[in-house]
Amino acid sequence: MVLVINWLAVIVVGLIYFAIHFFWYFPFAFGNLWLKLVGKESEPKSKIIRDTIIMIPTSIVTVLFIEIMLDLTGIIDIVGALLLTFILWVGFVATIAINQNNFNDRGVKLFLLEYGFYLIGFLLAGVILVVWV
């Protein structure tokens, strides 16, 4: 089987995925709540810059793997994309996150804040990728 990867779509959707993640933690969104829940007053600018640089390629790789799974399964409709990306999130993100959250006693609010983004990002990426022509 030959994979057909739409690289332009992967890169653009990866950058959208990154942008949502980046703005998710802005003070006007959930940044202040996140700081409160993790017991911090602020994050050093050097850490924010480093983390942002790391998020760009990892966002594109995440979207690439969603594209690969869509291609391998032959899903070309929005409902299928939503179902597949939800299953991927549950199977790979939520299960690991639940374990981490549980072992670190982080609470449900922090879990939803930190890993809810990934669900939104996965669902949105899947939908955009299947409608991209």
N, C-alpha and C. Protein backbone atom coordinates (compact mmCIF):
# COMPACT_ATOMS: atom_id res chain seq x y z
N MET A 1 0.84 -1.18 0.00
CA MET A 1 0.00 0.00 0.00
C MET A 1 0.89 1.24 0.00
N VAL A 2 0.53 2.18 -0.84
CA VAL A 2 1.27 3.43 -0.94
C VAL A 2 0.47 4.51 -0.22
N LEU A 3 1.14 5.17 0.72
CA LEU A 3 0.50 6.27 1.42
C LEU A 3 0.51 7.51 0.54
N VAL A 4 -0.59 8.22 0.53
CA VAL A 4 -0.67 9.47 -0.20
C VAL A 4 -0.81 10.58 0.84
N ILE A 5 0.29 11.27 1.07
CA ILE A 5 0.32 12.32 2.08
C ILE A 5 0.19 13.68 1.40
N ASN A 6 -0.77 14.45 1.83
CA ASN A 6 -0.93 15.82 1.34
C ASN A 6 -0.07 16.70 2.25
N TRP A 7 1.18 16.89 1.85
CA TRP A 7 2.14 17.60 2.70
C TRP A 7 1.75 19.03 2.99
N LEU A 8 1.17 19.71 2.01
CA LEU A 8 0.75 21.09 2.24
C LEU A 8 -0.33 21.13 3.32
N ALA A 9 -1.30 20.23 3.23
CA ALA A 9 -2.36 20.16 4.23
C ALA A 9 -1.78 19.82 5.60
N VAL A 10 -0.86 18.88 5.65
CA VAL A 10 -0.25 18.49 6.93
C VAL A 10 0.46 19.68 7.57
N ILE A 11 1.22 20.41 6.79
CA ILE A 11 1.97 21.55 7.34
C ILE A 11 1.02 22.66 7.78
N VAL A 12 0.04 23.00 6.95
CA VAL A 12 -0.90 24.06 7.31
C VAL A 12 -1.72 23.68 8.53
N VAL A 13 -2.25 22.46 8.53
CA VAL A 13 -3.06 22.01 9.67
C VAL A 13 -2.18 21.87 10.91
N GLY A 14 -0.94 21.44 10.73
CA GLY A 14 0.00 21.38 11.85
C GLY A 14 0.23 22.74 12.47
N LEU A 15 0.33 23.76 11.63
CA LEU A 15 0.51 25.12 12.14
C LEU A 15 -0.76 25.64 12.82
N ILE A 16 -1.92 25.26 12.31
CA ILE A 16 -3.17 25.61 12.98
C ILE A 16 -3.25 24.92 14.33
N TYR A 17 -2.92 23.65 14.36
CA TYR A 17 -2.90 22.86 15.60
C TYR A 17 -1.96 23.52 16.62
N PHE A 18 -0.78 23.91 16.15
CA PHE A 18 0.19 24.60 17.00
C PHE A 18 -0.39 25.91 17.53
N ALA A 19 -1.01 26.70 16.65
CA ALA A 19 -1.54 28.01 17.04
C ALA A 19 -2.61 27.87 18.12
N ILE A 20 -3.48 26.89 17.97
CA ILE A 20 -4.52 26.67 18.98
C ILE A 20 -3.87 26.31 20.31
N HIS A 21 -2.90 25.42 20.26
CA HIS A 21 -2.20 25.01 21.48
C HIS A 21 -1.48 26.20 22.11
N PHE A 22 -0.83 26.98 21.31
CA PHE A 22 -0.08 28.15 21.78
C PHE A 22 -1.01 29.14 22.48
N PHE A 23 -2.13 29.47 21.83
CA PHE A 23 -3.05 30.45 22.41
C PHE A 23 -3.87 29.88 23.56
N TRP A 24 -4.00 28.57 23.63
CA TRP A 24 -4.71 27.91 24.73
C TRP A 24 -4.15 28.34 26.08
N TYR A 25 -2.84 28.53 26.12
CA TYR A 25 -2.17 28.86 27.38
C TYR A 25 -1.92 30.36 27.57
N PHE A 26 -2.46 31.19 26.70
CA PHE A 26 -2.36 32.64 26.91
C PHE A 26 -3.19 33.01 28.14
N PRO A 27 -2.78 34.08 28.85
CA PRO A 27 -3.52 34.50 30.05
C PRO A 27 -5.01 34.71 29.80
N PHE A 28 -5.38 35.26 28.63
CA PHE A 28 -6.80 35.52 28.36
C PHE A 28 -7.58 34.24 28.07
N ALA A 29 -6.90 33.15 27.82
CA ALA A 29 -7.58 31.87 27.61
C ALA A 29 -7.50 31.07 28.92
N PHE A 30 -6.62 30.06 28.95
CA PHE A 30 -6.52 29.22 30.15
C PHE A 30 -5.18 29.33 30.86
N GLY A 31 -4.33 30.25 30.42
CA GLY A 31 -3.00 30.38 31.00
C GLY A 31 -2.99 30.67 32.49
N ASN A 32 -3.78 31.63 32.90
CA ASN A 32 -3.82 31.97 34.33
C ASN A 32 -4.39 30.83 35.16
N LEU A 33 -5.42 30.18 34.65
CA LEU A 33 -5.99 29.04 35.37
C LEU A 33 -4.97 27.92 35.48
N TRP A 34 -4.24 27.67 34.39
CA TRP A 34 -3.22 26.62 34.41
C TRP A 34 -2.15 26.93 35.46
N LEU A 35 -1.66 28.17 35.46
CA LEU A 35 -0.66 28.56 36.46
C LEU A 35 -1.18 28.32 37.87
N LYS A 36 -2.41 28.69 38.11
CA LYS A 36 -3.01 28.50 39.44
C LYS A 36 -3.08 27.01 39.80
N LEU A 37 -3.53 26.20 38.86
CA LEU A 37 -3.71 24.77 39.12
C LEU A 37 -2.38 24.03 39.35
N VAL A 38 -1.30 24.52 38.71
CA VAL A 38 0.00 23.88 38.92
C VAL A 38 0.80 24.56 40.03
N GLY A 39 0.22 25.60 40.63
CA GLY A 39 0.86 26.25 41.77
C GLY A 39 2.01 27.17 41.40
N LYS A 40 1.91 27.82 40.25
CA LYS A 40 2.95 28.75 39.82
C LYS A 40 2.36 30.14 39.67
N GLU A 41 3.24 31.13 39.72
CA GLU A 41 2.81 32.50 39.48
C GLU A 41 3.09 32.93 38.04
N SER A 42 4.14 32.35 37.45
CA SER A 42 4.51 32.68 36.07
C SER A 42 5.47 31.62 35.55
N GLU A 43 5.74 31.73 34.26
CA GLU A 43 6.72 30.88 33.59
C GLU A 43 7.82 31.78 33.05
N PRO A 44 9.08 31.36 33.16
CA PRO A 44 10.17 32.18 32.59
C PRO A 44 10.03 32.29 31.07
N LYS A 45 10.33 33.47 30.54
CA LYS A 45 10.24 33.68 29.09
C LYS A 45 11.11 32.70 28.31
N SER A 46 12.28 32.36 28.84
CA SER A 46 13.16 31.42 28.14
C SER A 46 12.50 30.05 28.00
N LYS A 47 11.75 29.63 29.00
CA LYS A 47 11.04 28.35 28.93
C LYS A 47 9.90 28.42 27.93
N ILE A 48 9.19 29.54 27.92
CA ILE A 48 8.09 29.71 26.98
C ILE A 48 8.61 29.66 25.55
N ILE A 49 9.73 30.34 25.29
CA ILE A 49 10.32 30.34 23.95
C ILE A 49 10.77 28.94 23.56
N ARG A 50 11.48 28.25 24.46
CA ARG A 50 11.93 26.88 24.18
C ARG A 50 10.75 25.96 23.90
N ASP A 51 9.74 26.02 24.76
CA ASP A 51 8.57 25.15 24.59
C ASP A 51 7.83 25.44 23.30
N THR A 52 7.76 26.71 22.93
CA THR A 52 7.10 27.10 21.69
C THR A 52 7.84 26.54 20.49
N ILE A 53 9.15 26.64 20.49
CA ILE A 53 9.97 26.11 19.38
C ILE A 53 9.77 24.60 19.25
N ILE A 54 9.69 23.91 20.36
CA ILE A 54 9.49 22.46 20.34
C ILE A 54 8.09 22.10 19.84
N MET A 55 7.10 22.92 20.17
CA MET A 55 5.71 22.63 19.79
C MET A 55 5.47 22.68 18.28
N ILE A 56 6.23 23.45 17.55
CA ILE A 56 5.97 23.58 16.11
C ILE A 56 6.20 22.25 15.39
N PRO A 57 7.38 21.65 15.46
CA PRO A 57 7.54 20.37 14.75
C PRO A 57 6.70 19.24 15.35
N THR A 58 6.50 19.23 16.66
CA THR A 58 5.70 18.14 17.24
C THR A 58 4.24 18.26 16.81
N SER A 59 3.75 19.47 16.63
CA SER A 59 2.39 19.65 16.13
C SER A 59 2.26 19.12 14.71
N ILE A 60 3.24 19.41 13.88
CA ILE A 60 3.21 18.93 12.49
C ILE A 60 3.30 17.40 12.46
N VAL A 61 4.14 16.81 13.29
CA VAL A 61 4.25 15.34 13.34
C VAL A 61 2.94 14.72 13.81
N THR A 62 2.30 15.32 14.80
CA THR A 62 1.01 14.81 15.27
C THR A 62 0.00 14.80 14.12
N VAL A 63 -0.09 15.90 13.41
CA VAL A 63 -1.02 15.99 12.29
C VAL A 63 -0.62 15.02 11.18
N LEU A 64 0.66 14.82 10.95
CA LEU A 64 1.11 13.85 9.96
C LEU A 64 0.58 12.45 10.30
N PHE A 65 0.66 12.07 11.56
CA PHE A 65 0.19 10.74 11.94
C PHE A 65 -1.34 10.63 11.85
N ILE A 66 -2.04 11.72 12.10
CA ILE A 66 -3.48 11.70 11.89
C ILE A 66 -3.77 11.51 10.40
N GLU A 67 -3.03 12.21 9.56
CA GLU A 67 -3.19 12.07 8.10
C GLU A 67 -2.89 10.63 7.67
N ILE A 68 -1.84 10.05 8.20
CA ILE A 68 -1.50 8.66 7.86
C ILE A 68 -2.63 7.72 8.26
N MET A 69 -3.17 7.88 9.45
CA MET A 69 -4.26 7.02 9.89
C MET A 69 -5.51 7.21 9.05
N LEU A 70 -5.79 8.43 8.67
CA LEU A 70 -6.93 8.67 7.78
C LEU A 70 -6.71 7.98 6.43
N ASP A 71 -5.49 8.06 5.91
CA ASP A 71 -5.17 7.43 4.64
C ASP A 71 -5.24 5.91 4.74
N LEU A 72 -4.66 5.35 5.80
CA LEU A 72 -4.66 3.90 5.96
C LEU A 72 -6.07 3.33 6.14
N THR A 73 -6.92 4.07 6.79
CA THR A 73 -8.28 3.58 7.02
C THR A 73 -9.23 3.93 5.87
N GLY A 74 -8.79 4.80 4.98
CA GLY A 74 -9.62 5.19 3.85
C GLY A 74 -10.75 6.13 4.22
N ILE A 75 -10.67 6.76 5.37
CA ILE A 75 -11.73 7.67 5.81
C ILE A 75 -11.64 8.98 5.02
N ILE A 76 -12.79 9.37 4.45
CA ILE A 76 -12.84 10.59 3.65
C ILE A 76 -14.00 11.50 4.03
N ASP A 77 -14.70 11.17 5.12
CA ASP A 77 -15.85 11.97 5.53
C ASP A 77 -15.64 12.52 6.93
N ILE A 78 -16.38 13.57 7.25
CA ILE A 78 -16.22 14.27 8.53
C ILE A 78 -16.55 13.37 9.71
N VAL A 79 -17.64 12.63 9.63
CA VAL A 79 -18.04 11.77 10.76
C VAL A 79 -16.97 10.72 11.01
N GLY A 80 -16.47 10.12 9.95
CA GLY A 80 -15.40 9.12 10.10
C GLY A 80 -14.14 9.73 10.71
N ALA A 81 -13.81 10.94 10.26
CA ALA A 81 -12.62 11.62 10.79
C ALA A 81 -12.80 11.93 12.27
N LEU A 82 -13.99 12.38 12.65
CA LEU A 82 -14.26 12.66 14.06
C LEU A 82 -14.15 11.39 14.91
N LEU A 83 -14.72 10.32 14.41
CA LEU A 83 -14.66 9.05 15.14
C LEU A 83 -13.23 8.54 15.26
N LEU A 84 -12.48 8.56 14.17
CA LEU A 84 -11.10 8.07 14.20
C LEU A 84 -10.24 8.92 15.13
N THR A 85 -10.34 10.24 15.03
CA THR A 85 -9.48 11.08 15.86
C THR A 85 -9.87 10.98 17.33
N PHE A 86 -11.15 10.78 17.61
CA PHE A 86 -11.57 10.56 18.99
C PHE A 86 -10.98 9.26 19.52
N ILE A 87 -11.04 8.21 18.72
CA ILE A 87 -10.47 6.92 19.12
C ILE A 87 -8.96 7.04 19.33
N LEU A 88 -8.28 7.74 18.44
CA LEU A 88 -6.84 7.95 18.60
C LEU A 88 -6.54 8.70 19.89
N TRP A 89 -7.32 9.73 20.18
CA TRP A 89 -7.13 10.50 21.42
C TRP A 89 -7.35 9.63 22.64
N VAL A 90 -8.43 8.88 22.66
CA VAL A 90 -8.70 8.00 23.80
C VAL A 90 -7.59 6.97 23.96
N GLY A 91 -7.21 6.34 22.86
CA GLY A 91 -6.24 5.25 22.92
C GLY A 91 -4.82 5.67 23.23
N PHE A 92 -4.42 6.84 22.79
CA PHE A 92 -3.03 7.22 22.95
C PHE A 92 -2.80 8.43 23.87
N VAL A 93 -3.72 9.36 23.91
CA VAL A 93 -3.52 10.55 24.74
C VAL A 93 -4.19 10.36 26.10
N ALA A 94 -5.48 10.09 26.09
CA ALA A 94 -6.24 10.04 27.34
C ALA A 94 -5.73 8.95 28.28
N THR A 95 -5.43 7.78 27.75
CA THR A 95 -4.99 6.69 28.63
C THR A 95 -3.66 7.02 29.30
N ILE A 96 -2.74 7.55 28.55
CA ILE A 96 -1.44 7.94 29.13
C ILE A 96 -1.64 9.10 30.09
N ALA A 97 -2.44 10.07 29.69
CA ALA A 97 -2.67 11.25 30.53
C ALA A 97 -3.36 10.88 31.84
N ILE A 98 -4.31 9.98 31.79
CA ILE A 98 -4.98 9.55 33.02
C ILE A 98 -3.98 8.94 33.99
N ASN A 99 -3.11 8.09 33.46
CA ASN A 99 -2.09 7.48 34.32
C ASN A 99 -1.16 8.54 34.92
N GLN A 100 -0.67 9.44 34.09
CA GLN A 100 0.22 10.50 34.59
C GLN A 100 -0.50 11.37 35.62
N ASN A 101 -1.71 11.75 35.30
CA ASN A 101 -2.48 12.61 36.18
C ASN A 101 -2.73 11.91 37.52
N ASN A 102 -3.04 10.65 37.46
CA ASN A 102 -3.33 9.87 38.65
C ASN A 102 -2.09 9.72 39.53
N PHE A 103 -0.98 9.35 38.94
CA PHE A 103 0.25 9.16 39.71
C PHE A 103 0.77 10.47 40.31
N ASN A 104 0.47 11.58 39.65
CA ASN A 104 0.96 12.88 40.12
C ASN A 104 -0.08 13.66 40.91
N ASP A 105 -1.23 13.05 41.21
CA ASP A 105 -2.29 13.70 41.99
C ASP A 105 -2.61 15.10 41.48
N ARG A 106 -2.90 15.21 40.19
CA ARG A 106 -3.09 16.53 39.60
C ARG A 106 -4.53 16.99 39.51
N GLY A 107 -5.50 16.14 39.68
CA GLY A 107 -6.90 16.56 39.68
C GLY A 107 -7.54 16.62 38.31
N VAL A 108 -8.86 16.57 38.34
CA VAL A 108 -9.65 16.52 37.10
C VAL A 108 -9.58 17.83 36.32
N LYS A 109 -9.63 18.97 37.01
CA LYS A 109 -9.58 20.26 36.30
C LYS A 109 -8.30 20.40 35.49
N LEU A 110 -7.19 20.03 36.10
CA LEU A 110 -5.91 20.15 35.39
C LEU A 110 -5.85 19.15 34.23
N PHE A 111 -6.38 17.96 34.45
CA PHE A 111 -6.44 16.97 33.36
C PHE A 111 -7.22 17.53 32.18
N LEU A 112 -8.41 18.05 32.45
CA LEU A 112 -9.24 18.58 31.37
C LEU A 112 -8.57 19.75 30.66
N LEU A 113 -7.91 20.60 31.42
CA LEU A 113 -7.25 21.76 30.84
C LEU A 113 -6.06 21.33 29.97
N GLU A 114 -5.23 20.44 30.49
CA GLU A 114 -4.02 20.06 29.77
C GLU A 114 -4.29 19.10 28.61
N TYR A 115 -5.25 18.22 28.74
CA TYR A 115 -5.45 17.21 27.71
C TYR A 115 -6.71 17.41 26.88
N GLY A 116 -7.58 18.33 27.33
CA GLY A 116 -8.75 18.68 26.54
C GLY A 116 -8.35 19.33 25.23
N PHE A 117 -7.26 20.10 25.29
CA PHE A 117 -6.78 20.73 24.05
C PHE A 117 -6.50 19.67 22.99
N TYR A 118 -5.85 18.59 23.41
CA TYR A 118 -5.47 17.57 22.43
C TYR A 118 -6.69 16.96 21.76
N LEU A 119 -7.75 16.78 22.52
CA LEU A 119 -8.99 16.27 21.92
C LEU A 119 -9.50 17.25 20.87
N ILE A 120 -9.57 18.52 21.23
CA ILE A 120 -10.03 19.54 20.29
C ILE A 120 -9.11 19.58 19.07
N GLY A 121 -7.80 19.56 19.32
CA GLY A 121 -6.83 19.60 18.22
C GLY A 121 -6.93 18.40 17.30
N PHE A 122 -7.06 17.21 17.87
CA PHE A 122 -7.20 15.99 17.06
C PHE A 122 -8.46 16.07 16.20
N LEU A 123 -9.59 16.41 16.82
CA LEU A 123 -10.86 16.47 16.09
C LEU A 123 -10.80 17.49 14.96
N LEU A 124 -10.29 18.67 15.27
CA LEU A 124 -10.20 19.72 14.26
C LEU A 124 -9.25 19.32 13.13
N ALA A 125 -8.11 18.76 13.48
CA ALA A 125 -7.15 18.33 12.45
C ALA A 125 -7.78 17.29 11.53
N GLY A 126 -8.46 16.32 12.11
CA GLY A 126 -9.10 15.28 11.30
C GLY A 126 -10.12 15.84 10.33
N VAL A 127 -10.94 16.76 10.82
CA VAL A 127 -11.97 17.36 9.97
C VAL A 127 -11.34 18.17 8.84
N ILE A 128 -10.37 19.00 9.18
CA ILE A 128 -9.74 19.81 8.13
C ILE A 128 -9.05 18.94 7.09
N LEU A 129 -8.37 17.90 7.55
CA LEU A 129 -7.66 17.03 6.61
C LEU A 129 -8.61 16.32 5.64
N VAL A 130 -9.77 15.88 6.12
CA VAL A 130 -10.66 15.17 5.19
C VAL A 130 -11.42 16.10 4.24
N VAL A 131 -11.60 17.37 4.65
CA VAL A 131 -12.28 18.28 3.73
C VAL A 131 -11.32 19.00 2.79
N TRP A 132 -10.02 18.93 3.10
CA TRP A 132 -9.01 19.56 2.25
C TRP A 132 -8.98 18.79 0.92
N VAL A 133 -9.16 19.51 -0.15
CA VAL A 133 -9.16 18.84 -1.46
C VAL A 133 -7.93 19.20 -2.25
